[in-house]
Amino acid sequence: MSQMPQLSACPSCEEPLESGDRFCGACGYDLSAVPPRPDDSPTLTMNGAGAGQAAPPAGWPGAGGADPGGSGALPAVHPPADPPGTNAGSAPLPPQGTDSGGFPVPPQGTDSGSFPTPPPGTDMSGSPLPPPGTDMSGSPLPPAPAHPATGVRFDRRPEPEEYPLQAPDPRVAADLAAQPDPATVCVACRAGRVDHDGYCENCGHAQPRERDHMEQESGPVAAVSDRGLRHHRNEDAFGIGRTALPDGSCALVAIVCDGVSSATRPDDASLAASRAASESLLTALPLGTHPQQAMHDAIVAASNAVNALAQEPATAREHQPHQNAPACTLVGAVVTPDLLVVGWVGDSRVYWVPVDRGAPAARLTEDDSWAAQMVAAGLMNEAEAYADERAHAITGWLGADAYELEPHTASFKPDRPGAVVVCTDGLWNYAEAAEEMAGVLPPDAALRPLHGARVLVGHALDGGGHDNVTVAVLPFPAPPQGAGSA
């Protein structure tokens, strides 16, 4: 009788087994059903001989190599018959009744340990085996598992295929519904989808920010702002609008601000200043406040708005020891039917360009800068001062760390129609003299202010675009209420 394979654990439930067990004591698995380990088969070499088979003796045919006929093929090997009483290796066979080691073979009916084989239906001690389907005590066994033995337990509670989802928070759902659709096409590859992080999922190109390029038109006044070609963000801002004076005539307003790059949050400073100043003007002018006084008050309001940024937590998080508080420059213009008022702090400028290009153009502001101070003191001429590397160091700005707020205002009464250009140094660096600005501005800028502003910004970008570029164009005199640009 062949022995059962010796198992250390049940193939069905992994319950530890003891020697001689025929059934699992935990699940009742029939251990005799486990197939015996297959006999080992010799590994054959590529020529069909066993891995351990010795090569034929040198004296046998074929041991010498090539066919004598010169065909190159080995002749068939026919080993001679084994001598009587020897095996294939010419070794003597063991005597009859003994095994290969010379030990006596046990009589038939006994196992290798000289124990008699038990009769069928009994165990090794002669006791009758329990009926099939029962355990050692005679109790019925649980049904065998339907799954094959894989070492995985099947007595765990089944898990559902789908789990119920918690109802979404209506507040979160409302926020998600309010978000814009992120499925925007990339401006670079024209194929990728732009996600909420502002980068293309296809080519990785960063998409333009909202402030990278801005255009706005409000009746006969227009403004354009661009990030330029060198800066990573646009730190300029503008505010434009028109309103009615108490006598019913029209007033045009333009404010342009340039963030100080060495300060903290310069983009927020310019935005806060432009909004505060333009709102102040559009509120004061309809009440009858003189345009020049309204401009002064608007600059003070812008200064207060920028100062307030220094108290915000966001500024404290971004502030570095070598940086200043949020700061920016400001320049603005108010145009009425018979008056042109300008105001500024810093080095942004206002130019007057008449429609009749035979008449001279003029710059209406004076920079708060190192170069302007050198020229005013007579220490350098304008060409020498602006050629110095310190030329653009500003001496006046809006911010909590400004030395002293000194709003500059001036009023003019031009005797002919023309266009007013309000701009940052990102433009006038490429058209510094009034005559140069007049040469770049289109002749119909007073009638098409948005087109004129685009042309000026394009001129700065074509020149290198080293800085942010912002420009507003207003016609003078202000057209009647309700009129717009062509």
Protein backbone atom coordinates (compact mmCIF):
# COMPACT_ATOMS: atom_id res chain seq x y z
CA MET A 1 0.00 0.00 0.00
CA SER A 2 1.46 3.33 -1.02
CA GLN A 3 1.91 5.97 1.64
CA MET A 4 -0.13 9.20 1.65
CA PRO A 5 1.81 12.39 0.98
CA GLN A 6 2.98 13.89 4.25
CA LEU A 7 1.27 17.31 4.59
CA SER A 8 1.97 19.89 7.28
CA ALA A 9 -1.28 21.85 6.72
CA CYS A 10 -4.69 21.23 5.22
CA PRO A 11 -4.78 22.33 1.53
CA SER A 12 -8.29 23.73 2.07
CA CYS A 13 -8.23 25.70 5.35
CA GLU A 14 -4.49 25.72 6.20
CA GLU A 15 -5.19 24.01 9.54
CA PRO A 16 -2.00 22.30 10.92
CA LEU A 17 -2.03 18.50 10.54
CA GLU A 18 -0.54 15.68 12.56
CA SER A 19 1.28 12.68 11.22
CA GLY A 20 -1.13 9.95 10.10
CA ASP A 21 -4.19 12.23 9.70
CA ARG A 22 -6.47 11.12 6.85
CA PHE A 23 -9.01 13.90 7.28
CA CYS A 24 -8.67 17.54 8.39
CA GLY A 25 -9.98 17.93 11.93
CA ALA A 26 -11.17 21.49 11.19
CA CYS A 27 -12.95 21.29 7.84
CA GLY A 28 -13.05 17.53 7.20
CA TYR A 29 -11.07 17.74 3.98
CA ASP A 30 -10.21 14.24 2.66
CA LEU A 31 -6.45 14.22 2.73
CA SER A 32 -6.28 11.02 0.70
CA ALA A 33 -7.70 12.99 -2.23
CA VAL A 34 -4.48 14.98 -2.50
CA PRO A 35 -2.66 13.65 -5.56
CA PRO A 36 0.70 12.04 -4.83
CA ARG A 37 3.87 13.85 -5.78
CA PRO A 38 4.76 12.90 -9.36
CA ASP A 39 7.83 10.81 -9.96
CA ASP A 40 10.85 12.75 -11.01
CA SER A 41 11.70 12.42 -14.69
CA PRO A 42 15.30 12.58 -15.82
CA THR A 43 16.34 15.68 -17.64
CA LEU A 44 17.24 14.90 -21.22
CA THR A 45 20.01 16.59 -23.12
CA MET A 46 19.56 17.94 -26.61
CA ASN A 47 20.80 14.63 -28.12
CA GLY A 48 18.22 12.60 -26.16
CA ALA A 49 20.58 11.19 -23.53
CA GLY A 50 19.87 11.59 -19.86
CA ALA A 51 21.58 14.37 -17.98
CA GLY A 52 23.50 11.91 -15.86
CA GLN A 53 24.12 9.32 -18.61
CA ALA A 54 27.76 8.70 -19.23
CA ALA A 55 29.27 9.07 -22.66
CA PRO A 56 29.93 5.81 -24.53
CA PRO A 57 33.35 4.31 -24.06
CA ALA A 58 36.03 5.33 -26.44
CA GLY A 59 36.12 1.91 -27.95
CA TRP A 60 32.47 1.96 -28.98
CA PRO A 61 31.52 2.83 -32.49
CA GLY A 62 30.82 6.49 -33.01
CA ALA A 63 33.15 7.63 -30.24
CA GLY A 64 35.77 8.62 -32.72
CA GLY A 65 33.86 11.47 -34.42
CA ALA A 66 33.08 11.79 -38.11
CA ASP A 67 31.69 9.23 -40.48
CA PRO A 68 34.48 7.42 -42.32
CA GLY A 69 32.61 8.08 -45.52
CA GLY A 70 33.23 11.78 -45.08
CA SER A 71 29.55 12.76 -44.81
CA GLY A 72 30.21 14.51 -41.48
CA ALA A 73 27.28 12.75 -39.72
CA LEU A 74 27.84 10.51 -36.73
CA PRO A 75 26.96 6.83 -37.29
CA ALA A 76 24.22 5.18 -35.23
CA VAL A 77 25.42 3.87 -31.88
CA HIS A 78 24.62 0.21 -31.03
CA PRO A 79 26.10 -0.66 -27.65
CA PRO A 80 26.85 -4.37 -27.11
CA ALA A 81 24.57 -6.56 -24.98
CA ASP A 82 25.15 -6.48 -21.21
CA PRO A 83 27.03 -9.51 -19.80
CA PRO A 84 24.88 -11.80 -17.61
CA GLY A 85 24.53 -10.64 -13.99
CA THR A 86 25.45 -7.02 -14.75
CA ASN A 87 23.53 -3.80 -15.43
CA ALA A 88 23.98 -1.37 -18.28
CA GLY A 89 27.05 0.05 -16.59
CA SER A 90 28.65 -3.47 -16.30
CA ALA A 91 28.18 -3.36 -12.51
CA PRO A 92 27.07 -6.66 -10.82
CA LEU A 93 23.37 -6.91 -9.97
CA PRO A 94 22.33 -7.39 -6.28
CA PRO A 95 21.38 -10.97 -5.19
CA GLN A 96 17.74 -11.93 -5.62
CA GLY A 97 15.51 -10.89 -2.64
CA THR A 98 17.60 -7.87 -1.78
CA ASP A 99 17.38 -4.23 -2.79
CA SER A 100 20.04 -2.15 -4.51
CA GLY A 101 21.75 -1.62 -1.15
CA GLY A 102 21.93 -5.35 -0.41
CA PHE A 103 19.25 -5.28 2.28
CA PRO A 104 16.45 -7.93 2.33
CA VAL A 105 13.18 -6.91 0.68
CA PRO A 106 10.23 -7.18 3.15
CA PRO A 107 7.67 -9.93 2.43
CA GLN A 108 4.57 -9.06 0.44
CA GLY A 109 1.78 -7.70 2.67
CA THR A 110 4.05 -5.60 4.84
CA ASP A 111 5.30 -2.04 4.42
CA SER A 112 8.89 -0.89 4.43
CA GLY A 113 8.87 -0.70 8.21
CA SER A 114 7.97 -4.43 8.60
CA PHE A 115 4.47 -3.55 9.85
CA PRO A 116 1.60 -5.64 8.47
CA THR A 117 -0.77 -3.75 6.17
CA PRO A 118 -4.14 -3.13 7.95
CA PRO A 119 -7.23 -4.76 6.43
CA PRO A 120 -9.43 -2.47 4.26
CA GLY A 121 -11.74 -0.19 6.31
CA THR A 122 -9.48 -0.16 9.38
CA ASP A 123 -6.71 2.10 10.60
CA MET A 124 -3.19 1.08 11.62
CA SER A 125 -4.46 -0.16 15.01
CA GLY A 126 -7.20 -2.33 13.43
CA SER A 127 -10.08 -0.07 14.52
CA PRO A 128 -12.81 0.45 11.93
CA LEU A 129 -12.68 3.78 10.06
CA PRO A 130 -15.73 6.09 10.27
CA PRO A 131 -18.13 6.02 7.35
CA PRO A 132 -17.35 8.42 4.52
CA GLY A 133 -18.72 11.93 5.14
CA THR A 134 -18.30 11.73 8.95
CA ASP A 135 -15.54 12.71 11.34
CA MET A 136 -13.82 10.46 13.88
CA SER A 137 -16.79 10.73 16.26
CA GLY A 138 -19.34 9.79 13.58
CA SER A 139 -20.75 13.33 13.16
CA PRO A 140 -21.42 14.43 9.56
CA LEU A 141 -18.71 16.60 8.03
CA PRO A 142 -19.42 19.99 6.47
CA PRO A 143 -19.48 20.00 2.68
CA ALA A 144 -16.11 20.37 1.04
CA PRO A 145 -15.38 23.86 -0.38
CA ALA A 146 -16.36 24.37 -4.00
CA HIS A 147 -13.18 26.31 -4.70
CA PRO A 148 -9.84 24.60 -5.24
CA ALA A 149 -7.26 24.78 -2.50
CA THR A 150 -5.36 28.00 -3.15
CA GLY A 151 -4.20 28.97 0.34
CA VAL A 152 -6.91 31.67 0.54
CA ARG A 153 -9.52 31.49 3.24
CA PHE A 154 -13.13 31.33 2.06
CA ASP A 155 -14.80 31.69 5.48
CA ARG A 156 -14.72 35.52 5.38
CA ARG A 157 -17.88 37.50 5.01
CA PRO A 158 -18.40 38.37 1.32
CA GLU A 159 -17.89 42.01 0.46
CA PRO A 160 -20.43 43.92 -1.62
CA GLU A 161 -19.54 44.79 -5.20
CA GLU A 162 -20.65 48.39 -4.68
CA TYR A 163 -20.46 50.56 -1.59
CA PRO A 164 -23.09 53.21 -0.88
CA LEU A 165 -21.65 56.72 -1.30
CA GLN A 166 -22.28 59.46 1.19
CA ALA A 167 -24.44 62.26 -0.11
CA PRO A 168 -22.27 65.26 -1.10
CA ASP A 169 -22.19 68.33 1.08
CA PRO A 170 -24.50 70.84 -0.66
CA ARG A 171 -22.06 73.65 0.15
CA VAL A 172 -19.19 71.82 -1.55
CA ALA A 173 -21.43 70.88 -4.47
CA ALA A 174 -22.39 74.52 -4.91
CA ASP A 175 -18.73 75.57 -4.93
CA LEU A 176 -17.88 72.95 -7.54
CA ALA A 177 -20.80 74.01 -9.69
CA ALA A 178 -19.63 77.62 -9.54
CA GLN A 179 -16.14 76.80 -10.81
CA PRO A 180 -15.49 77.54 -14.48
CA ASP A 181 -15.12 74.74 -16.96
CA PRO A 182 -11.41 73.82 -17.02
CA ALA A 183 -11.59 72.27 -20.49
CA THR A 184 -9.67 75.07 -22.20
CA VAL A 185 -7.48 74.44 -25.23
CA CYS A 186 -3.76 75.14 -24.84
CA VAL A 187 -2.57 78.27 -26.65
CA ALA A 188 0.76 76.57 -27.50
CA CYS A 189 -0.08 73.12 -28.88
CA ARG A 190 -3.78 73.81 -29.63
CA ALA A 191 -4.58 70.24 -28.61
CA GLY A 192 -4.00 69.78 -24.87
CA ARG A 193 -6.49 70.43 -22.10
CA VAL A 194 -5.65 73.14 -19.58
CA ASP A 195 -6.39 72.18 -16.00
CA HIS A 196 -7.03 74.37 -12.94
CA ASP A 197 -3.28 74.71 -12.31
CA GLY A 198 -2.88 76.72 -15.52
CA TYR A 199 -0.67 74.21 -17.38
CA CYS A 200 -1.37 72.15 -20.49
CA GLU A 201 -1.80 68.43 -19.76
CA ASN A 202 -0.39 67.61 -23.20
CA CYS A 203 2.72 69.78 -23.63
CA GLY A 204 3.10 71.29 -20.13
CA HIS A 205 3.07 74.86 -21.43
CA ALA A 206 2.06 77.48 -18.86
CA GLN A 207 -1.03 79.32 -20.02
CA PRO A 208 -1.32 83.11 -19.98
CA ARG A 209 -2.66 84.56 -16.77
CA GLU A 210 -5.60 86.92 -16.83
CA ARG A 211 -3.33 89.92 -16.26
CA ASP A 212 -0.68 88.88 -18.78
CA HIS A 213 -2.55 90.84 -21.44
CA MET A 214 -5.53 93.07 -20.72
CA GLU A 215 -7.56 95.35 -22.95
CA GLN A 216 -10.48 97.55 -22.02
CA GLU A 217 -12.53 100.19 -23.80
CA SER A 218 -14.98 102.54 -22.12
CA GLY A 219 -16.57 104.73 -24.75
CA PRO A 220 -13.89 107.07 -26.17
CA VAL A 221 -11.16 105.98 -23.71
CA ALA A 222 -9.20 102.71 -23.96
CA ALA A 223 -6.25 100.98 -22.28
CA VAL A 224 -3.98 97.99 -22.99
CA SER A 225 -1.56 96.26 -20.60
CA ASP A 226 0.91 93.48 -21.41
CA ARG A 227 3.33 91.39 -19.35
CA GLY A 228 6.16 92.02 -21.81
CA LEU A 229 8.79 89.53 -22.94
CA ARG A 230 11.08 89.31 -19.91
CA HIS A 231 8.95 89.44 -16.75
CA HIS A 232 7.20 86.37 -15.35
CA ARG A 233 4.06 88.33 -14.43
CA ASN A 234 2.36 91.64 -15.13
CA GLU A 235 2.81 94.04 -12.22
CA ASP A 236 1.04 96.92 -13.98
CA ALA A 237 -2.64 97.81 -13.63
CA PHE A 238 -5.02 100.42 -14.96
CA GLY A 239 -8.48 101.83 -14.38
CA ILE A 240 -10.51 103.78 -16.94
CA GLY A 241 -14.03 105.16 -17.14
CA ARG A 242 -16.24 108.10 -18.00
CA THR A 243 -18.82 110.00 -16.05
CA ALA A 244 -21.05 113.08 -16.32
CA LEU A 245 -20.19 116.39 -14.72
CA PRO A 246 -22.91 118.44 -12.95
CA ASP A 247 -23.46 120.50 -16.13
CA GLY A 248 -24.11 117.33 -18.14
CA SER A 249 -20.82 117.34 -20.02
CA CYS A 250 -18.59 114.27 -20.22
CA ALA A 251 -15.43 113.58 -18.24
CA LEU A 252 -12.95 110.85 -19.13
CA VAL A 253 -10.72 109.20 -16.51
CA ALA A 254 -7.57 107.05 -16.88
CA ILE A 255 -5.29 105.77 -14.10
CA VAL A 256 -2.13 103.72 -14.77
CA CYS A 257 -0.02 102.13 -11.99
CA ASP A 258 3.33 100.34 -12.10
CA GLY A 259 4.25 97.94 -9.26
CA VAL A 260 7.72 98.33 -7.73
CA SER A 261 9.39 94.99 -8.47
CA SER A 262 11.73 95.13 -5.46
CA ALA A 263 8.75 95.38 -3.09
CA THR A 264 6.45 92.70 -1.73
CA ARG A 265 3.29 91.99 -3.76
CA PRO A 266 3.86 94.69 -6.39
CA ASP A 267 1.06 93.35 -8.58
CA ASP A 268 -1.44 93.66 -5.73
CA ALA A 269 -0.21 97.18 -4.97
CA SER A 270 -0.75 98.43 -8.53
CA LEU A 271 -4.18 96.82 -8.72
CA ALA A 272 -5.33 98.27 -5.39
CA ALA A 273 -4.06 101.76 -6.29
CA SER A 274 -5.63 101.83 -9.76
CA ARG A 275 -9.01 100.73 -8.44
CA ALA A 276 -9.02 103.15 -5.51
CA ALA A 277 -7.97 106.15 -7.63
CA SER A 278 -10.37 105.55 -10.51
CA GLU A 279 -13.30 104.91 -8.17
CA SER A 280 -12.47 108.09 -6.24
CA LEU A 281 -12.45 110.18 -9.42
CA LEU A 282 -15.64 108.67 -10.83
CA THR A 283 -17.36 109.38 -7.51
CA ALA A 284 -16.07 112.95 -6.92
CA LEU A 285 -16.43 114.44 -10.41
CA PRO A 286 -20.26 114.09 -10.66
CA LEU A 287 -20.51 115.84 -7.28
CA GLY A 288 -18.90 118.99 -8.69
CA THR A 289 -15.40 118.54 -7.24
CA HIS A 290 -12.84 120.39 -9.34
CA PRO A 291 -10.93 117.90 -11.50
CA GLN A 292 -7.55 118.94 -10.10
CA GLN A 293 -8.73 118.57 -6.49
CA ALA A 294 -10.41 115.30 -7.38
CA MET A 295 -7.10 114.06 -8.81
CA HIS A 296 -5.25 114.98 -5.61
CA ASP A 297 -7.82 113.17 -3.48
CA ALA A 298 -7.66 110.14 -5.77
CA ILE A 299 -3.90 109.85 -5.28
CA VAL A 300 -4.36 110.01 -1.49
CA ALA A 301 -7.03 107.30 -1.68
CA ALA A 302 -4.70 105.13 -3.76
CA SER A 303 -1.91 105.63 -1.22
CA ASN A 304 -4.19 104.52 1.62
CA ALA A 305 -5.19 101.41 -0.33
CA VAL A 306 -1.56 100.41 -0.87
CA ASN A 307 -0.65 101.13 2.76
CA ALA A 308 -3.42 98.80 3.89
CA LEU A 309 -1.77 95.89 2.06
CA ALA A 310 1.18 96.05 4.46
CA GLN A 311 -1.13 95.01 7.33
CA GLU A 312 -2.55 91.94 5.58
CA PRO A 313 -1.39 88.42 6.58
CA ALA A 314 -0.44 87.64 2.97
CA THR A 315 2.17 90.39 3.07
CA ALA A 316 3.63 89.05 6.32
CA ARG A 317 3.98 85.57 4.78
CA GLU A 318 5.76 86.84 1.67
CA HIS A 319 7.81 89.61 3.28
CA GLN A 320 11.56 89.08 3.21
CA PRO A 321 14.21 91.07 5.13
CA HIS A 322 15.57 92.58 1.90
CA GLN A 323 12.15 93.57 0.55
CA ASN A 324 10.04 96.64 1.15
CA ALA A 325 6.33 96.95 1.83
CA PRO A 326 3.95 96.75 -1.19
CA ALA A 327 4.58 99.76 -3.41
CA CYS A 328 3.77 101.19 -6.85
CA THR A 329 3.82 104.36 -8.92
CA LEU A 330 0.72 106.15 -10.23
CA VAL A 331 -0.13 108.48 -13.09
CA GLY A 332 -3.55 109.64 -14.18
CA ALA A 333 -5.46 112.04 -16.41
CA VAL A 334 -8.92 113.64 -16.41
CA VAL A 335 -10.24 115.08 -19.67
CA THR A 336 -13.24 117.39 -19.85
CA PRO A 337 -14.51 119.48 -22.81
CA ASP A 338 -12.14 122.34 -21.95
CA LEU A 339 -9.64 121.05 -19.35
CA LEU A 340 -6.89 118.45 -19.10
CA VAL A 341 -5.73 117.52 -15.58
CA VAL A 342 -2.85 115.18 -14.80
CA GLY A 343 -1.51 113.76 -11.52
CA TRP A 344 1.36 111.45 -10.64
CA VAL A 345 3.72 109.96 -8.07
CA GLY A 346 6.74 108.13 -9.47
CA ASP A 347 8.14 107.84 -12.98
CA SER A 348 5.09 106.97 -15.09
CA ARG A 349 4.20 109.69 -17.60
CA VAL A 350 1.53 111.61 -19.55
CA TYR A 351 2.16 112.83 -23.12
CA TRP A 352 0.14 115.28 -25.17
CA VAL A 353 0.05 114.56 -28.93
CA PRO A 354 -2.00 117.01 -31.09
CA VAL A 355 -3.96 115.78 -34.07
CA ASP A 356 -2.08 118.28 -36.21
CA ARG A 357 1.35 116.69 -36.18
CA GLY A 358 2.81 120.01 -37.31
CA ALA A 359 2.22 121.31 -33.78
CA PRO A 360 4.69 120.21 -31.10
CA ALA A 361 3.95 117.28 -28.76
CA ALA A 362 4.75 117.63 -25.07
CA ARG A 363 5.43 115.61 -21.94
CA LEU A 364 3.14 116.80 -19.14
CA THR A 365 4.77 115.13 -16.09
CA GLU A 366 8.15 115.19 -14.34
CA ASP A 367 9.63 111.93 -13.06
CA ASP A 368 10.24 111.27 -9.38
CA SER A 369 13.59 109.69 -10.17
CA TRP A 370 17.32 110.06 -9.66
CA ALA A 371 17.82 111.20 -13.24
CA ALA A 372 15.17 113.93 -12.97
CA GLN A 373 16.78 115.25 -9.79
CA MET A 374 20.19 115.42 -11.47
CA VAL A 375 18.71 117.37 -14.37
CA ALA A 376 16.74 119.70 -12.08
CA ALA A 377 19.85 120.41 -10.04
CA GLY A 378 21.82 121.22 -13.17
CA LEU A 379 24.37 118.50 -12.48
CA MET A 380 23.70 116.60 -15.73
CA ASN A 381 21.83 117.14 -18.93
CA GLU A 382 18.93 114.84 -19.70
CA ALA A 383 20.91 112.56 -22.04
CA GLU A 384 23.68 112.07 -19.50
CA ALA A 385 21.32 111.49 -16.58
CA TYR A 386 19.20 108.85 -18.32
CA ALA A 387 22.30 107.06 -19.57
CA ASP A 388 23.39 106.46 -15.97
CA GLU A 389 22.58 103.09 -14.39
CA ARG A 390 20.84 104.93 -11.52
CA ALA A 391 18.52 106.82 -13.85
CA HIS A 392 15.36 104.79 -13.04
CA ALA A 393 15.82 104.74 -9.28
CA ILE A 394 12.57 106.33 -8.13
CA THR A 395 12.41 108.92 -5.37
CA GLY A 396 8.63 108.92 -4.95
CA TRP A 397 6.09 106.10 -4.73
CA LEU A 398 2.93 104.91 -3.01
CA GLY A 399 3.52 102.55 -0.10
CA ALA A 400 3.78 102.25 3.66
CA ASP A 401 7.52 102.86 3.60
CA ALA A 402 7.40 105.96 1.36
CA TYR A 403 9.31 108.91 2.82
CA GLU A 404 6.47 111.37 2.36
CA LEU A 405 3.45 111.43 0.08
CA GLU A 406 3.68 114.35 -2.33
CA PRO A 407 0.95 114.10 -4.98
CA HIS A 408 1.79 116.10 -8.10
CA THR A 409 -1.08 117.63 -10.09
CA ALA A 410 -1.25 120.01 -13.04
CA SER A 411 -3.99 121.33 -15.33
CA PHE A 412 -3.81 122.38 -18.98
CA LYS A 413 -6.15 123.97 -21.52
CA PRO A 414 -5.01 122.84 -24.97
CA ASP A 415 -6.05 125.08 -27.84
CA ARG A 416 -6.46 122.26 -30.36
CA PRO A 417 -7.70 118.65 -30.47
CA GLY A 418 -5.33 115.84 -29.77
CA ALA A 419 -4.72 112.60 -27.87
CA VAL A 420 -3.51 112.09 -24.32
CA VAL A 421 -1.15 109.14 -23.72
CA VAL A 422 -0.89 107.84 -20.13
CA CYS A 423 1.81 105.17 -19.79
CA THR A 424 4.40 103.35 -17.66
CA ASP A 425 8.13 103.33 -18.31
CA GLY A 426 7.69 100.02 -20.10
CA LEU A 427 6.51 102.12 -23.06
CA TRP A 428 8.39 105.38 -22.78
CA ASN A 429 11.72 103.57 -22.52
CA TYR A 430 11.24 102.93 -26.26
CA ALA A 431 9.85 106.41 -27.08
CA GLU A 432 11.20 108.72 -24.43
CA ALA A 433 10.99 112.11 -26.15
CA ALA A 434 7.58 113.60 -26.92
CA GLU A 435 8.46 113.74 -30.62
CA GLU A 436 9.25 110.00 -30.57
CA MET A 437 5.93 109.23 -28.91
CA ALA A 438 4.10 111.32 -31.50
CA GLY A 439 5.89 109.45 -34.27
CA VAL A 440 4.65 106.08 -32.97
CA LEU A 441 1.05 107.04 -32.13
CA PRO A 442 -1.31 106.56 -35.09
CA PRO A 443 -2.78 109.82 -36.50
CA ASP A 444 -6.34 108.60 -35.81
CA ALA A 445 -5.66 107.68 -32.16
CA ALA A 446 -8.16 110.29 -30.93
CA LEU A 447 -10.89 108.57 -32.94
CA ARG A 448 -9.67 104.97 -32.39
CA PRO A 449 -8.10 104.95 -28.92
CA LEU A 450 -8.03 101.17 -28.53
CA HIS A 451 -6.21 100.75 -31.82
CA GLY A 452 -3.77 103.48 -30.82
CA ALA A 453 -3.06 101.79 -27.47
CA ARG A 454 -2.43 98.46 -29.20
CA VAL A 455 0.01 100.07 -31.60
CA LEU A 456 1.97 101.65 -28.74
CA VAL A 457 2.19 98.38 -26.79
CA GLY A 458 3.29 96.59 -29.95
CA HIS A 459 6.05 99.16 -30.42
CA ALA A 460 7.41 98.40 -26.94
CA LEU A 461 7.28 94.64 -27.51
CA ASP A 462 9.02 94.99 -30.86
CA GLY A 463 11.71 97.01 -29.12
CA GLY A 464 12.47 94.17 -26.68
CA GLY A 465 9.63 94.22 -24.13
CA HIS A 466 12.04 94.31 -21.18
CA ASP A 467 9.33 95.54 -18.79
CA ASN A 468 5.59 95.38 -18.33
CA VAL A 469 3.86 97.75 -20.77
CA THR A 470 0.67 99.68 -19.99
CA VAL A 471 -0.86 102.59 -21.87
CA ALA A 472 -4.20 104.43 -21.91
CA VAL A 473 -5.31 106.76 -24.71
CA LEU A 474 -7.89 109.55 -24.26
CA PRO A 475 -9.10 112.07 -26.85
CA PHE A 476 -9.15 115.79 -26.15
CA PRO A 477 -11.54 117.50 -25.88
CA ALA A 478 -13.87 114.98 -24.34
CA PRO A 479 -16.65 114.20 -26.83
CA PRO A 480 -20.28 114.88 -25.92
CA GLN A 481 -21.93 112.47 -23.49
CA GLY A 482 -22.91 109.25 -25.27
CA ALA A 483 -20.31 109.44 -28.04
CA GLY A 484 -17.89 106.54 -28.45
CA SER A 485 -14.79 105.55 -30.36
CA ALA A 486 -14.94 104.68 -34.02
